[in-house]
Amino acid sequence: MIEYYKTVNNVTKKVEELEPGCWINVVAPTEEEKRFLTEGLGVLPEYVQESLDEEESSHIDYDDDYNQTLVIVDYPSAEEAKENYSFNGKMTLQYTTLPIGIVMMKGYIITISLYENLNIEDMANGKVKGVHTEMKTRFLLLLLLRISQRFLIYLRQIDRLSSLTEYELHKSMQNKELIQMLGLEKSLVYFSTSLKTDEITLNKIMRGKLIKLYEEDQDLLEDVLIEIHQAIEMCNIYSNILSGTMDAFASVISNNLNIVMKVLTVITIVMAIPNIIFSFYGMNVDGLPYPSWWVPTLIAIVACLIATFIFKKKDMFH
């Protein structure tokens, strides 16, 4: 899918045809659309390929011959969990990060991604103020600011979801809550890795060697860096909290298992006493005292009561 947008009278609108100074949004392009990008617009094929690679990490490239700059950054993505998990009637979310490529070339700025994402939708729907498609550097920085803000939004969601999952774990130690906690912990690892690579890319942009920075863009770039640093700190804090929570619940589960095994062991010992006594009186030998049925029964009952009293005294049934 290829869409064209252009800012007219400070309003970004969708246009039907390619115009100078417009923004070209490309999502999951077909082979024909890829040829249009490379042959029609002159975008370097490797730039298109890198932008559509899910495993591509954040970086910045510049080609002197074609005067094109590629900036790849990771943005956060949330989708409903594949497993049928829900809390309070709501489906849980799983989080990951995906790359998006921004190609800056003469006359156009092009965003290339493999999936639709909310950051591009916000830019296209006018939810981001100050967007001018002809100002490529400003557009890039506003998109990066929106992505960093999206990281913060999802981090707060992860924190609320982890608190809700922890509350559910207090009520019942079920596998689905533990798996959900593991999924959140994995999401934070993804976020932390992507945020650090995005920070490296932003620092390269801040040097101004690969992308020309204008004076009015300096404050915007500093805002983006502040948001990224805040997201990194929040990610580290939530990751430590979640890791500590997982360790605590692992200890609780292990302790509960030990208690169950202890109670079962005590019950087994108490139940084994009558079996031992009846085994003596069940042997085919002479000389046992009082060879009547009520004698071993009485001895077994007394022995069980004594063993139960001793174990109760030592608090072995809790």
C-alpha atoms as a PDB file:
ATOM      1  CA  MET A   1       0.000   0.000   0.000  1.00  0.00           C
ATOM      2  CA  ILE A   2       1.283   3.430  -0.958  1.00  0.00           C
ATOM      3  CA  GLU A   3      -0.367   6.644   0.228  1.00  0.00           C
ATOM      4  CA  TYR A   4       0.564  10.268  -0.383  1.00  0.00           C
ATOM      5  CA  TYR A   5       0.164  13.102   2.117  1.00  0.00           C
ATOM      6  CA  LYS A   6       0.929  16.794   1.852  1.00  0.00           C
ATOM      7  CA  THR A   7       0.677  19.715   4.243  1.00  0.00           C
ATOM      8  CA  VAL A   8      -1.484  22.512   2.857  1.00  0.00           C
ATOM      9  CA  ASN A   9      -2.281  25.560   5.003  1.00  0.00           C
ATOM     10  CA  ASN A  10      -0.795  23.839   8.071  1.00  0.00           C
ATOM     11  CA  VAL A  11      -3.101  20.847   7.574  1.00  0.00           C
ATOM     12  CA  THR A  12      -1.778  17.469   6.468  1.00  0.00           C
ATOM     13  CA  LYS A  13      -4.132  15.924   3.928  1.00  0.00           C
ATOM     14  CA  LYS A  14      -4.130  12.827   1.806  1.00  0.00           C
ATOM     15  CA  VAL A  15      -3.547  13.498  -1.895  1.00  0.00           C
ATOM     16  CA  GLU A  16      -4.304  11.208  -4.792  1.00  0.00           C
ATOM     17  CA  GLU A  17      -1.146  11.737  -6.819  1.00  0.00           C
ATOM     18  CA  LEU A  18       2.537  12.200  -6.147  1.00  0.00           C
ATOM     19  CA  GLU A  19       3.429  15.862  -5.639  1.00  0.00           C
ATOM     20  CA  PRO A  20       6.693  17.639  -4.807  1.00  0.00           C
ATOM     21  CA  GLY A  21       7.217  18.064  -1.089  1.00  0.00           C
ATOM     22  CA  CYS A  22       4.801  15.305  -0.122  1.00  0.00           C
ATOM     23  CA  TRP A  23       5.143  12.458   2.329  1.00  0.00           C
ATOM     24  CA  ILE A  24       4.943   8.949   0.880  1.00  0.00           C
ATOM     25  CA  ASN A  25       3.734   6.288   3.292  1.00  0.00           C
ATOM     26  CA  VAL A  26       4.479   2.715   2.239  1.00  0.00           C
ATOM     27  CA  VAL A  27       3.083  -0.264   4.181  1.00  0.00           C
ATOM     28  CA  ALA A  28       3.749  -3.893   3.188  1.00  0.00           C
ATOM     29  CA  PRO A  29       4.463  -3.034  -0.464  1.00  0.00           C
ATOM     30  CA  THR A  30       3.861  -5.508  -3.254  1.00  0.00           C
ATOM     31  CA  GLU A  31       6.577  -6.332  -5.781  1.00  0.00           C
ATOM     32  CA  GLU A  32       5.083  -3.785  -8.176  1.00  0.00           C
ATOM     33  CA  GLU A  33       5.119  -1.101  -5.494  1.00  0.00           C
ATOM     34  CA  LYS A  34       8.727  -1.971  -4.638  1.00  0.00           C
ATOM     35  CA  ARG A  35       9.679  -1.489  -8.299  1.00  0.00           C
ATOM     36  CA  PHE A  36       7.918   1.875  -8.266  1.00  0.00           C
ATOM     37  CA  LEU A  37       9.963   2.927  -5.247  1.00  0.00           C
ATOM     38  CA  THR A  38      13.295   1.804  -6.702  1.00  0.00           C
ATOM     39  CA  GLU A  39      12.757   2.558 -10.391  1.00  0.00           C
ATOM     40  CA  GLY A  40      10.129   5.295 -10.344  1.00  0.00           C
ATOM     41  CA  LEU A  41      11.347   7.308  -7.360  1.00  0.00           C
ATOM     42  CA  GLY A  42      14.977   6.180  -7.337  1.00  0.00           C
ATOM     43  CA  VAL A  43      15.044   4.838  -3.792  1.00  0.00           C
ATOM     44  CA  LEU A  44      18.020   2.566  -3.253  1.00  0.00           C
ATOM     45  CA  PRO A  45      16.898  -1.112  -3.274  1.00  0.00           C
ATOM     46  CA  GLU A  46      18.900  -1.896  -0.140  1.00  0.00           C
ATOM     47  CA  TYR A  47      17.070   0.880   1.708  1.00  0.00           C
ATOM     48  CA  VAL A  48      13.723  -0.694   0.839  1.00  0.00           C
ATOM     49  CA  GLN A  49      14.964  -4.145   1.802  1.00  0.00           C
ATOM     50  CA  GLU A  50      16.361  -2.999   5.154  1.00  0.00           C
ATOM     51  CA  SER A  51      13.162  -1.153   6.026  1.00  0.00           C
ATOM     52  CA  LEU A  52      11.090  -4.298   5.452  1.00  0.00           C
ATOM     53  CA  ASP A  53      13.363  -6.584   7.473  1.00  0.00           C
ATOM     54  CA  GLU A  54      11.755  -7.429  10.834  1.00  0.00           C
ATOM     55  CA  GLU A  55      15.158  -8.207  12.359  1.00  0.00           C
ATOM     56  CA  GLU A  56      16.769  -4.928  11.280  1.00  0.00           C
ATOM     57  CA  SER A  57      18.113  -2.888  14.185  1.00  0.00           C
ATOM     58  CA  SER A  58      18.016   0.879  14.485  1.00  0.00           C
ATOM     59  CA  HIS A  59      20.698   2.739  12.522  1.00  0.00           C
ATOM     60  CA  ILE A  60      21.290   5.571  10.054  1.00  0.00           C
ATOM     61  CA  ASP A  61      22.828   5.376   6.572  1.00  0.00           C
ATOM     62  CA  TYR A  62      23.762   8.032   4.046  1.00  0.00           C
ATOM     63  CA  ASP A  63      24.587   7.646   0.343  1.00  0.00           C
ATOM     64  CA  ASP A  64      26.618  10.470  -1.178  1.00  0.00           C
ATOM     65  CA  ASP A  65      26.055   9.423  -4.782  1.00  0.00           C
ATOM     66  CA  TYR A  66      22.256   9.460  -4.601  1.00  0.00           C
ATOM     67  CA  ASN A  67      21.988  12.042  -1.806  1.00  0.00           C
ATOM     68  CA  GLN A  68      19.661   9.808   0.213  1.00  0.00           C
ATOM     69  CA  THR A  69      19.495   9.222   3.951  1.00  0.00           C
ATOM     70  CA  LEU A  70      17.913   6.200   5.603  1.00  0.00           C
ATOM     71  CA  VAL A  71      16.940   6.275   9.260  1.00  0.00           C
ATOM     72  CA  ILE A  72      15.646   3.035  10.757  1.00  0.00           C
ATOM     73  CA  VAL A  73      14.164   3.133  14.236  1.00  0.00           C
ATOM     74  CA  ASP A  74      12.256   0.593  16.292  1.00  0.00           C
ATOM     75  CA  TYR A  75       8.724   1.441  17.341  1.00  0.00           C
ATOM     76  CA  PRO A  76       6.599  -0.383  19.950  1.00  0.00           C
ATOM     77  CA  SER A  77       3.725  -2.581  18.891  1.00  0.00           C
ATOM     78  CA  ALA A  78       0.936  -4.163  20.921  1.00  0.00           C
ATOM     79  CA  GLU A  79      -1.457  -6.896  19.907  1.00  0.00           C
ATOM     80  CA  GLU A  80      -3.831  -9.274  21.632  1.00  0.00           C
ATOM     81  CA  ALA A  81      -2.144 -12.334  23.043  1.00  0.00           C
ATOM     82  CA  LYS A  82      -2.505 -15.459  20.940  1.00  0.00           C
ATOM     83  CA  GLU A  83      -3.312 -17.472  24.042  1.00  0.00           C
ATOM     84  CA  ASN A  84      -6.825 -17.092  25.386  1.00  0.00           C
ATOM     85  CA  TYR A  85      -5.859 -15.117  28.461  1.00  0.00           C
ATOM     86  CA  SER A  86      -8.068 -12.419  29.919  1.00  0.00           C
ATOM     87  CA  PHE A  87      -8.305 -10.420  33.104  1.00  0.00           C
ATOM     88  CA  ASN A  88     -11.575  -8.783  34.217  1.00  0.00           C
ATOM     89  CA  GLY A  89     -13.094  -9.673  30.859  1.00  0.00           C
ATOM     90  CA  LYS A  90     -10.368  -7.937  28.810  1.00  0.00           C
ATOM     91  CA  MET A  91      -7.906  -9.639  26.514  1.00  0.00           C
ATOM     92  CA  THR A  92      -4.310  -9.275  27.567  1.00  0.00           C
ATOM     93  CA  LEU A  93      -1.749  -7.686  25.260  1.00  0.00           C
ATOM     94  CA  GLN A  94       1.682  -8.784  24.197  1.00  0.00           C
ATOM     95  CA  TYR A  95       4.271  -6.208  23.241  1.00  0.00           C
ATOM     96  CA  THR A  96       7.135  -6.238  20.798  1.00  0.00           C
ATOM     97  CA  THR A  97       9.116  -3.825  18.641  1.00  0.00           C
ATOM     98  CA  LEU A  98       9.261  -3.491  14.864  1.00  0.00           C
ATOM     99  CA  PRO A  99      11.464  -1.386  12.559  1.00  0.00           C
ATOM    100  CA  ILE A 100      10.305   1.476  10.387  1.00  0.00           C
ATOM    101  CA  GLY A 101      12.465   3.071   7.717  1.00  0.00           C
ATOM    102  CA  ILE A 102      12.440   6.789   6.917  1.00  0.00           C
ATOM    103  CA  VAL A 103      14.064   7.691   3.598  1.00  0.00           C
ATOM    104  CA  MET A 104      14.941  11.353   3.102  1.00  0.00           C
ATOM    105  CA  MET A 105      15.621  12.269  -0.510  1.00  0.00           C
ATOM    106  CA  LYS A 106      15.293  15.268  -2.775  1.00  0.00           C
ATOM    107  CA  GLY A 107      11.674  16.389  -2.917  1.00  0.00           C
ATOM    108  CA  TYR A 108      10.179  13.634  -0.750  1.00  0.00           C
ATOM    109  CA  ILE A 109      10.236  11.916   2.581  1.00  0.00           C
ATOM    110  CA  ILE A 110       9.226   8.247   2.550  1.00  0.00           C
ATOM    111  CA  THR A 111       8.226   6.000   5.446  1.00  0.00           C
ATOM    112  CA  ILE A 112       8.465   2.269   4.795  1.00  0.00           C
ATOM    113  CA  SER A 113       7.157  -0.369   7.201  1.00  0.00           C
ATOM    114  CA  LEU A 114       5.997  -3.940   7.088  1.00  0.00           C
ATOM    115  CA  TYR A 115       2.890  -3.340   9.219  1.00  0.00           C
ATOM    116  CA  GLU A 116       0.506  -0.502   9.889  1.00  0.00           C
ATOM    117  CA  ASN A 117       1.259   1.318  13.133  1.00  0.00           C
ATOM    118  CA  LEU A 118      -0.388   3.942  15.281  1.00  0.00           C
ATOM    119  CA  ASN A 119       2.499   6.404  14.989  1.00  0.00           C
ATOM    120  CA  ILE A 120       2.027   6.793  11.232  1.00  0.00           C
ATOM    121  CA  GLU A 121      -1.752   6.974  11.671  1.00  0.00           C
ATOM    122  CA  ASP A 122      -1.361   9.798  14.200  1.00  0.00           C
ATOM    123  CA  MET A 123       0.877  11.701  11.786  1.00  0.00           C
ATOM    124  CA  ALA A 124      -1.575  11.197   8.929  1.00  0.00           C
ATOM    125  CA  ASN A 125      -4.684  12.075  10.953  1.00  0.00           C
ATOM    126  CA  GLY A 126      -3.303  15.368  12.223  1.00  0.00           C
ATOM    127  CA  LYS A 127      -2.916  14.271  15.848  1.00  0.00           C
ATOM    128  CA  VAL A 128       0.686  15.508  15.827  1.00  0.00           C
ATOM    129  CA  LYS A 129       1.038  19.279  15.729  1.00  0.00           C
ATOM    130  CA  GLY A 130       3.585  21.068  13.591  1.00  0.00           C
ATOM    131  CA  VAL A 131       3.807  18.497  10.796  1.00  0.00           C
ATOM    132  CA  HIS A 132       5.044  19.916   7.480  1.00  0.00           C
ATOM    133  CA  THR A 133       5.742  17.321   4.833  1.00  0.00           C
ATOM    134  CA  GLU A 134       8.099  19.640   2.965  1.00  0.00           C
ATOM    135  CA  MET A 135      10.275  20.034   6.073  1.00  0.00           C
ATOM    136  CA  LYS A 136      11.879  16.606   6.112  1.00  0.00           C
ATOM    137  CA  THR A 137      14.051  17.029   9.217  1.00  0.00           C
ATOM    138  CA  ARG A 138      11.144  18.412  11.246  1.00  0.00           C
ATOM    139  CA  PHE A 139       8.917  15.576  10.046  1.00  0.00           C
ATOM    140  CA  LEU A 140      11.537  12.984  11.058  1.00  0.00           C
ATOM    141  CA  LEU A 141      11.950  14.454  14.534  1.00  0.00           C
ATOM    142  CA  LEU A 142       8.193  14.676  15.114  1.00  0.00           C
ATOM    143  CA  LEU A 143       7.817  11.033  14.116  1.00  0.00           C
ATOM    144  CA  LEU A 144      10.638  10.052  16.483  1.00  0.00           C
ATOM    145  CA  LEU A 145       8.997  12.064  19.260  1.00  0.00           C
ATOM    146  CA  ARG A 146       5.704  10.281  18.650  1.00  0.00           C
ATOM    147  CA  ILE A 147       7.434   6.892  18.756  1.00  0.00           C
ATOM    148  CA  SER A 148       9.173   7.742  22.043  1.00  0.00           C
ATOM    149  CA  GLN A 149       5.849   8.867  23.529  1.00  0.00           C
ATOM    150  CA  ARG A 150       4.278   5.605  22.381  1.00  0.00           C
ATOM    151  CA  PHE A 151       7.010   3.726  24.248  1.00  0.00           C
ATOM    152  CA  LEU A 152       6.040   5.583  27.430  1.00  0.00           C
ATOM    153  CA  ILE A 153       2.348   4.819  26.917  1.00  0.00           C
ATOM    154  CA  TYR A 154       2.997   1.106  26.463  1.00  0.00           C
ATOM    155  CA  LEU A 155       5.376   1.010  29.436  1.00  0.00           C
ATOM    156  CA  ARG A 156       2.617   2.395  31.654  1.00  0.00           C
ATOM    157  CA  GLN A 157       0.249  -0.220  30.241  1.00  0.00           C
ATOM    158  CA  ILE A 158       2.780  -2.939  31.056  1.00  0.00           C
ATOM    159  CA  ASP A 159       3.076  -1.615  34.602  1.00  0.00           C
ATOM    160  CA  ARG A 160      -0.712  -1.649  35.095  1.00  0.00           C
ATOM    161  CA  LEU A 161      -1.006  -5.104  33.534  1.00  0.00           C
ATOM    162  CA  SER A 162       1.770  -6.485  35.745  1.00  0.00           C
ATOM    163  CA  SER A 163       0.037  -5.079  38.838  1.00  0.00           C
ATOM    164  CA  LEU A 164      -3.248  -6.686  37.769  1.00  0.00           C
ATOM    165  CA  THR A 165      -1.522  -9.994  37.069  1.00  0.00           C
ATOM    166  CA  GLU A 166       0.193  -9.844  40.470  1.00  0.00           C
ATOM    167  CA  TYR A 167      -3.217  -9.334  42.119  1.00  0.00           C
ATOM    168  CA  GLU A 168      -4.544 -12.390  40.269  1.00  0.00           C
ATOM    169  CA  LEU A 169      -1.522 -14.393  41.418  1.00  0.00           C
ATOM    170  CA  HIS A 170      -2.336 -13.564  45.040  1.00  0.00           C
ATOM    171  CA  LYS A 171      -5.718 -15.248  44.588  1.00  0.00           C
ATOM    172  CA  SER A 172      -4.663 -18.291  42.561  1.00  0.00           C
ATOM    173  CA  MET A 173      -1.275 -19.657  41.495  1.00  0.00           C
ATOM    174  CA  GLN A 174      -2.230 -20.618  37.964  1.00  0.00           C
ATOM    175  CA  ASN A 175       0.014 -21.094  34.955  1.00  0.00           C
ATOM    176  CA  LYS A 176      -1.680 -18.440  32.830  1.00  0.00           C
ATOM    177  CA  GLU A 177      -0.798 -15.653  35.259  1.00  0.00           C
ATOM    178  CA  LEU A 178       2.811 -16.814  35.437  1.00  0.00           C
ATOM    179  CA  ILE A 179       3.026 -17.049  31.639  1.00  0.00           C
ATOM    180  CA  GLN A 180       1.567 -13.544  31.383  1.00  0.00           C
ATOM    181  CA  MET A 181       4.255 -12.246  33.754  1.00  0.00           C
ATOM    182  CA  LEU A 182       6.925 -13.962  31.670  1.00  0.00           C
ATOM    183  CA  GLY A 183       5.466 -12.354  28.544  1.00  0.00           C
ATOM    184  CA  LEU A 184       5.612  -8.895  30.129  1.00  0.00           C
ATOM    185  CA  GLU A 185       9.193  -9.501  31.219  1.00  0.00           C
ATOM    186  CA  LYS A 186      10.081 -10.487  27.659  1.00  0.00           C
ATOM    187  CA  SER A 187       8.340  -7.359  26.336  1.00  0.00           C
ATOM    188  CA  LEU A 188      10.464  -5.179  28.598  1.00  0.00           C
ATOM    189  CA  VAL A 189      13.604  -6.856  27.238  1.00  0.00           C
ATOM    190  CA  TYR A 190      12.478  -6.023  23.695  1.00  0.00           C
ATOM    191  CA  PHE A 191      11.730  -2.433  24.696  1.00  0.00           C
ATOM    192  CA  SER A 192      15.034  -1.985  26.502  1.00  0.00           C
ATOM    193  CA  THR A 193      17.073  -3.273  23.548  1.00  0.00           C
ATOM    194  CA  SER A 194      15.193  -1.156  21.002  1.00  0.00           C
ATOM    195  CA  LEU A 195      15.321   1.988  23.123  1.00  0.00           C
ATOM    196  CA  LYS A 196      19.087   1.720  23.495  1.00  0.00           C
ATOM    197  CA  THR A 197      19.613   1.328  19.735  1.00  0.00           C
ATOM    198  CA  ASP A 198      17.201   4.210  19.077  1.00  0.00           C
ATOM    199  CA  GLU A 199      19.196   6.337  21.494  1.00  0.00           C
ATOM    200  CA  ILE A 200      22.413   5.591  19.583  1.00  0.00           C
ATOM    201  CA  THR A 201      20.725   6.609  16.319  1.00  0.00           C
ATOM    202  CA  LEU A 202      19.452   9.852  17.872  1.00  0.00           C
ATOM    203  CA  ASN A 203      22.922  10.697  19.131  1.00  0.00           C
ATOM    204  CA  LYS A 204      24.243  10.279  15.588  1.00  0.00           C
ATOM    205  CA  ILE A 205      21.512  12.588  14.306  1.00  0.00           C
ATOM    206  CA  MET A 206      22.351  15.135  17.004  1.00  0.00           C
ATOM    207  CA  ARG A 207      25.902  15.449  15.695  1.00  0.00           C
ATOM    208  CA  GLY A 208      24.432  16.915  12.515  1.00  0.00           C
ATOM    209  CA  LYS A 209      26.846  15.209  10.147  1.00  0.00           C
ATOM    210  CA  LEU A 210      24.401  12.923   8.346  1.00  0.00           C
ATOM    211  CA  ILE A 211      21.219  15.002   8.633  1.00  0.00           C
ATOM    212  CA  LYS A 212      21.214  18.778   8.431  1.00  0.00           C
ATOM    213  CA  LEU A 213      19.781  20.226  11.619  1.00  0.00           C
ATOM    214  CA  TYR A 214      18.192  23.645  11.678  1.00  0.00           C
ATOM    215  CA  GLU A 215      18.254  25.886  14.708  1.00  0.00           C
ATOM    216  CA  GLU A 216      14.535  25.463  15.441  1.00  0.00           C
ATOM    217  CA  ASP A 217      14.945  21.686  15.341  1.00  0.00           C
ATOM    218  CA  GLN A 218      17.483  21.548  18.168  1.00  0.00           C
ATOM    219  CA  ASP A 219      14.864  21.915  20.904  1.00  0.00           C
ATOM    220  CA  LEU A 220      12.699  19.254  19.272  1.00  0.00           C
ATOM    221  CA  LEU A 221      15.618  16.836  19.084  1.00  0.00           C
ATOM    222  CA  GLU A 222      16.408  17.469  22.752  1.00  0.00           C
ATOM    223  CA  ASP A 223      12.772  16.700  23.612  1.00  0.00           C
ATOM    224  CA  VAL A 224      13.037  13.402  21.735  1.00  0.00           C
ATOM    225  CA  LEU A 225      16.219  12.488  23.622  1.00  0.00           C
ATOM    226  CA  ILE A 226      14.587  13.365  26.952  1.00  0.00           C
ATOM    227  CA  GLU A 227      11.605  11.135  26.143  1.00  0.00           C
ATOM    228  CA  ILE A 228      13.908   8.285  25.094  1.00  0.00           C
ATOM    229  CA  HIS A 229      15.993   8.598  28.264  1.00  0.00           C
ATOM    230  CA  GLN A 230      12.837   8.626  30.368  1.00  0.00           C
ATOM    231  CA  ALA A 231      11.550   5.531  28.564  1.00  0.00           C
ATOM    232  CA  ILE A 232      14.880   3.752  29.162  1.00  0.00           C
ATOM    233  CA  GLU A 233      14.763   4.572  32.880  1.00  0.00           C
ATOM    234  CA  MET A 234      11.136   3.464  33.179  1.00  0.00           C
ATOM    235  CA  CYS A 235      11.922   0.260  31.306  1.00  0.00           C
ATOM    236  CA  ASN A 236      14.806  -0.533  33.651  1.00  0.00           C
ATOM    237  CA  ILE A 237      12.708   0.197  36.752  1.00  0.00           C
ATOM    238  CA  TYR A 238       9.740  -1.896  35.600  1.00  0.00           C
ATOM    239  CA  SER A 239      12.066  -4.697  34.524  1.00  0.00           C
ATOM    240  CA  ASN A 240      13.706  -4.797  37.969  1.00  0.00           C
ATOM    241  CA  ILE A 241      10.323  -4.720  39.712  1.00  0.00           C
ATOM    242  CA  LEU A 242       8.924  -7.473  37.504  1.00  0.00           C
ATOM    243  CA  SER A 243      12.045  -9.599  37.933  1.00  0.00           C
ATOM    244  CA  GLY A 244      11.854  -9.214  41.708  1.00  0.00           C
ATOM    245  CA  THR A 245       8.154 -10.076  41.670  1.00  0.00           C
ATOM    246  CA  MET A 246       8.796 -13.205  39.617  1.00  0.00           C
ATOM    247  CA  ASP A 247      11.531 -14.297  42.031  1.00  0.00           C
ATOM    248  CA  ALA A 248       9.240 -13.687  45.006  1.00  0.00           C
ATOM    249  CA  PHE A 249       6.400 -15.707  43.516  1.00  0.00           C
ATOM    250  CA  ALA A 250       8.811 -18.484  42.562  1.00  0.00           C
ATOM    251  CA  SER A 251       9.860 -18.632  46.218  1.00  0.00           C
ATOM    252  CA  VAL A 252       6.204 -18.629  47.342  1.00  0.00           C
ATOM    253  CA  ILE A 253       5.332 -21.462  44.962  1.00  0.00           C
ATOM    254  CA  SER A 254       8.356 -23.465  46.098  1.00  0.00           C
ATOM    255  CA  ASN A 255       7.446 -22.859  49.744  1.00  0.00           C
ATOM    256  CA  ASN A 256       3.845 -23.939  49.152  1.00  0.00           C
ATOM    257  CA  LEU A 257       5.071 -27.102  47.477  1.00  0.00           C
ATOM    258  CA  ASN A 258       7.333 -27.848  50.456  1.00  0.00           C
ATOM    259  CA  ILE A 259       4.416 -27.385  52.842  1.00  0.00           C
ATOM    260  CA  VAL A 260       2.215 -29.755  50.847  1.00  0.00           C
ATOM    261  CA  MET A 261       4.978 -32.364  50.709  1.00  0.00           C
ATOM    262  CA  LYS A 262       5.572 -32.021  54.460  1.00  0.00           C
ATOM    263  CA  VAL A 263       1.881 -32.543  55.287  1.00  0.00           C
ATOM    264  CA  LEU A 264       1.666 -35.541  52.958  1.00  0.00           C
ATOM    265  CA  THR A 265       4.777 -37.037  54.542  1.00  0.00           C
ATOM    266  CA  VAL A 266       3.363 -36.644  58.054  1.00  0.00           C
ATOM    267  CA  ILE A 267       0.049 -38.223  57.017  1.00  0.00           C
ATOM    268  CA  THR A 268       1.944 -41.101  55.390  1.00  0.00           C
ATOM    269  CA  ILE A 269       3.941 -41.725  58.591  1.00  0.00           C
ATOM    270  CA  VAL A 270       0.813 -41.687  60.769  1.00  0.00           C
ATOM    271  CA  MET A 271      -1.005 -44.067  58.418  1.00  0.00           C
ATOM    272  CA  ALA A 272       2.022 -46.398  58.315  1.00  0.00           C
ATOM    273  CA  ILE A 273       1.907 -47.046  62.090  1.00  0.00           C
ATOM    274  CA  PRO A 274      -1.217 -49.275  62.029  1.00  0.00           C
ATOM    275  CA  ASN A 275       0.192 -51.141  59.059  1.00  0.00           C
ATOM    276  CA  ILE A 276       3.375 -51.970  61.020  1.00  0.00           C
ATOM    277  CA  ILE A 277       1.454 -53.179  64.090  1.00  0.00           C
ATOM    278  CA  PHE A 278      -1.013 -55.288  62.115  1.00  0.00           C
ATOM    279  CA  SER A 279       1.911 -56.791  60.203  1.00  0.00           C
ATOM    280  CA  PHE A 280       3.388 -58.131  63.456  1.00  0.00           C
ATOM    281  CA  TYR A 281       0.110 -59.721  64.488  1.00  0.00           C
ATOM    282  CA  GLY A 282      -0.510 -60.991  60.971  1.00  0.00           C
ATOM    283  CA  MET A 283       2.630 -63.156  60.937  1.00  0.00           C
ATOM    284  CA  ASN A 284       2.131 -66.915  61.159  1.00  0.00           C
ATOM    285  CA  VAL A 285       4.146 -67.350  64.404  1.00  0.00           C
ATOM    286  CA  ASP A 286       3.449 -68.147  68.034  1.00  0.00           C
ATOM    287  CA  GLY A 287       4.314 -66.178  71.141  1.00  0.00           C
ATOM    288  CA  LEU A 288       2.703 -62.819  70.412  1.00  0.00           C
ATOM    289  CA  PRO A 289       1.070 -61.286  73.513  1.00  0.00           C
ATOM    290  CA  TYR A 290      -2.718 -61.113  73.637  1.00  0.00           C
ATOM    291  CA  PRO A 291      -3.435 -62.587  70.188  1.00  0.00           C
ATOM    292  CA  SER A 292      -6.918 -61.061  69.978  1.00  0.00           C
ATOM    293  CA  TRP A 293      -8.193 -58.700  67.296  1.00  0.00           C
ATOM    294  CA  TRP A 294      -8.896 -55.793  69.649  1.00  0.00           C
ATOM    295  CA  VAL A 295      -5.340 -55.664  71.050  1.00  0.00           C
ATOM    296  CA  PRO A 296      -3.504 -54.607  67.829  1.00  0.00           C
ATOM    297  CA  THR A 297      -6.410 -52.343  67.012  1.00  0.00           C
ATOM    298  CA  LEU A 298      -6.122 -50.571  70.354  1.00  0.00           C
ATOM    299  CA  ILE A 299      -2.329 -50.364  70.099  1.00  0.00           C
ATOM    300  CA  ALA A 300      -2.608 -48.909  66.559  1.00  0.00           C
ATOM    301  CA  ILE A 301      -5.126 -46.271  67.669  1.00  0.00           C
ATOM    302  CA  VAL A 302      -3.015 -45.232  70.673  1.00  0.00           C
ATOM    303  CA  ALA A 303       0.162 -45.118  68.584  1.00  0.00           C
ATOM    304  CA  CYS A 304      -1.564 -42.993  65.898  1.00  0.00           C
ATOM    305  CA  LEU A 305      -2.880 -40.583  68.543  1.00  0.00           C
ATOM    306  CA  ILE A 306       0.572 -40.262  70.112  1.00  0.00           C
ATOM    307  CA  ALA A 307       2.219 -39.661  66.695  1.00  0.00           C
ATOM    308  CA  THR A 308      -0.476 -37.133  65.750  1.00  0.00           C
ATOM    309  CA  PHE A 309       0.002 -35.299  69.067  1.00  0.00           C
ATOM    310  CA  ILE A 310       3.776 -35.146  68.587  1.00  0.00           C
ATOM    311  CA  PHE A 311       3.492 -33.875  64.990  1.00  0.00           C
ATOM    312  CA  LYS A 312       0.825 -31.370  66.039  1.00  0.00           C
ATOM    313  CA  LYS A 313       3.084 -30.159  68.844  1.00  0.00           C
ATOM    314  CA  LYS A 314       5.849 -29.578  66.310  1.00  0.00           C
ATOM    315  CA  ASP A 315       3.399 -27.757  64.003  1.00  0.00           C
ATOM    316  CA  MET A 316       3.973 -30.212  61.184  1.00  0.00           C
ATOM    317  CA  PHE A 317       0.420 -29.971  59.785  1.00  0.00           C
ATOM    318  CA  HIS A 318       0.841 -26.347  58.554  1.00  0.00           C
END
